[in-house]
Amino acid sequence: MLELRPTCATCADGVFGNVCPNCGGGFTARPIRPSKDWKNGNFLGKYPASTTVKHRRADLAAHAELAAAVGATPPEKR
């Protein structure tokens, strides 16, 4: 699952042009995880939100090719 942090906005919008280097989809705000276990144990009590900032390198040349191929298509239609 993508862990998009506030400090990642510059790369998500600028460097990557809203094209995910892993899947080619668009970036979106992190989903809100419920505090109560409504279904299947997927809640904050079992999977707490992380506060660790993660820096992951991306191959910018390979990403430029991917972005050129899919970047003109809106994320919801990719």
C-alpha atoms as a PDB file:
ATOM      1  CA  MET A   1       0.000   0.000   0.000  1.00  0.00           C
ATOM      2  CA  LEU A   2       1.230   3.450  -0.841  1.00  0.00           C
ATOM      3  CA  GLU A   3       2.197   5.489   2.189  1.00  0.00           C
ATOM      4  CA  LEU A   4       1.881   9.012   0.859  1.00  0.00           C
ATOM      5  CA  ARG A   5       3.203  11.531   3.387  1.00  0.00           C
ATOM      6  CA  PRO A   6       2.800  15.310   3.406  1.00  0.00           C
ATOM      7  CA  THR A   7       6.502  15.662   2.603  1.00  0.00           C
ATOM      8  CA  CYS A   8       5.965  13.557  -0.539  1.00  0.00           C
ATOM      9  CA  ALA A   9       3.653  16.055  -2.255  1.00  0.00           C
ATOM     10  CA  THR A  10       6.540  17.700  -4.126  1.00  0.00           C
ATOM     11  CA  CYS A  11       7.568  14.422  -5.751  1.00  0.00           C
ATOM     12  CA  ALA A  12       4.027  13.129  -6.310  1.00  0.00           C
ATOM     13  CA  ASP A  13       2.925  16.247  -8.166  1.00  0.00           C
ATOM     14  CA  GLY A  14       6.215  17.576  -9.524  1.00  0.00           C
ATOM     15  CA  VAL A  15       8.795  14.861 -10.119  1.00  0.00           C
ATOM     16  CA  PHE A  16       6.327  12.045 -10.840  1.00  0.00           C
ATOM     17  CA  GLY A  17       3.586  14.173 -12.428  1.00  0.00           C
ATOM     18  CA  ASN A  18       0.861  12.214 -10.591  1.00  0.00           C
ATOM     19  CA  VAL A  19       2.015   8.919 -12.151  1.00  0.00           C
ATOM     20  CA  CYS A  20       2.929   6.252  -9.584  1.00  0.00           C
ATOM     21  CA  PRO A  21       6.341   4.741 -10.420  1.00  0.00           C
ATOM     22  CA  ASN A  22       5.175   1.349  -9.098  1.00  0.00           C
ATOM     23  CA  CYS A  23       1.849   0.860 -10.871  1.00  0.00           C
ATOM     24  CA  GLY A  24       1.262   3.795 -13.237  1.00  0.00           C
ATOM     25  CA  GLY A  25      -1.848   4.920 -11.346  1.00  0.00           C
ATOM     26  CA  GLY A  26      -2.382   8.331  -9.815  1.00  0.00           C
ATOM     27  CA  PHE A  27      -1.589   9.447  -6.288  1.00  0.00           C
ATOM     28  CA  THR A  28      -4.384  10.087  -3.839  1.00  0.00           C
ATOM     29  CA  ALA A  29      -4.688  11.086  -0.222  1.00  0.00           C
ATOM     30  CA  ARG A  30      -4.092   8.304   2.249  1.00  0.00           C
ATOM     31  CA  PRO A  31      -7.357   6.544   3.130  1.00  0.00           C
ATOM     32  CA  ILE A  32      -8.760   7.127   6.592  1.00  0.00           C
ATOM     33  CA  ARG A  33      -8.441   3.942   8.608  1.00  0.00           C
ATOM     34  CA  PRO A  34     -11.285   3.532  11.129  1.00  0.00           C
ATOM     35  CA  SER A  35     -10.605   3.405  14.850  1.00  0.00           C
ATOM     36  CA  LYS A  36     -13.240   0.682  15.306  1.00  0.00           C
ATOM     37  CA  ASP A  37     -13.007  -2.844  13.875  1.00  0.00           C
ATOM     38  CA  TRP A  38     -15.942  -2.776  11.463  1.00  0.00           C
ATOM     39  CA  LYS A  39     -14.725  -5.629   9.245  1.00  0.00           C
ATOM     40  CA  ASN A  40     -11.884  -8.170   9.048  1.00  0.00           C
ATOM     41  CA  GLY A  41      -9.611  -6.589  11.649  1.00  0.00           C
ATOM     42  CA  ASN A  42      -8.527  -3.717   9.394  1.00  0.00           C
ATOM     43  CA  PHE A  43      -8.478  -0.793  11.837  1.00  0.00           C
ATOM     44  CA  LEU A  44      -6.054   1.513  13.645  1.00  0.00           C
ATOM     45  CA  GLY A  45      -5.931  -0.681  16.737  1.00  0.00           C
ATOM     46  CA  LYS A  46      -4.480  -3.577  14.736  1.00  0.00           C
ATOM     47  CA  TYR A  47      -2.557  -1.585  12.110  1.00  0.00           C
ATOM     48  CA  PRO A  48      -1.578   1.771  13.641  1.00  0.00           C
ATOM     49  CA  ALA A  49      -0.566   4.620  11.358  1.00  0.00           C
ATOM     50  CA  SER A  50       3.185   5.000  11.024  1.00  0.00           C
ATOM     51  CA  THR A  51       5.028   8.201  11.853  1.00  0.00           C
ATOM     52  CA  THR A  52       8.243   7.092  10.149  1.00  0.00           C
ATOM     53  CA  VAL A  53       9.130   9.025   6.988  1.00  0.00           C
ATOM     54  CA  LYS A  54      10.262   6.632   4.261  1.00  0.00           C
ATOM     55  CA  HIS A  55      12.474   7.725   1.391  1.00  0.00           C
ATOM     56  CA  ARG A  56      12.448   5.421  -1.620  1.00  0.00           C
ATOM     57  CA  ARG A  57      14.595   5.947  -4.679  1.00  0.00           C
ATOM     58  CA  ALA A  58      13.055   5.793  -8.134  1.00  0.00           C
ATOM     59  CA  ASP A  59      14.658   5.310 -11.542  1.00  0.00           C
ATOM     60  CA  LEU A  60      13.780   8.694 -13.057  1.00  0.00           C
ATOM     61  CA  ALA A  61      14.667   7.683 -16.627  1.00  0.00           C
ATOM     62  CA  ALA A  62      12.403   4.624 -16.483  1.00  0.00           C
ATOM     63  CA  HIS A  63       9.705   6.721 -14.845  1.00  0.00           C
ATOM     64  CA  ALA A  64       9.891   9.326 -17.613  1.00  0.00           C
ATOM     65  CA  GLU A  65       9.072   6.578 -20.144  1.00  0.00           C
ATOM     66  CA  LEU A  66       6.149   5.346 -18.035  1.00  0.00           C
ATOM     67  CA  ALA A  67       4.822   8.877 -17.513  1.00  0.00           C
ATOM     68  CA  ALA A  68       5.061   9.586 -21.251  1.00  0.00           C
ATOM     69  CA  ALA A  69       3.020   6.462 -21.968  1.00  0.00           C
ATOM     70  CA  VAL A  70       0.239   6.975 -19.413  1.00  0.00           C
ATOM     71  CA  GLY A  71       0.524  10.565 -18.159  1.00  0.00           C
ATOM     72  CA  ALA A  72      -1.994  12.053 -20.609  1.00  0.00           C
ATOM     73  CA  THR A  73      -4.698   9.637 -19.425  1.00  0.00           C
ATOM     74  CA  PRO A  74      -6.521  10.787 -16.274  1.00  0.00           C
ATOM     75  CA  PRO A  75      -5.688   8.564 -13.257  1.00  0.00           C
ATOM     76  CA  GLU A  76      -9.286   7.337 -12.925  1.00  0.00           C
ATOM     77  CA  LYS A  77      -9.122   5.979 -16.508  1.00  0.00           C
ATOM     78  CA  ARG A  78      -5.689   4.322 -16.408  1.00  0.00           C
END
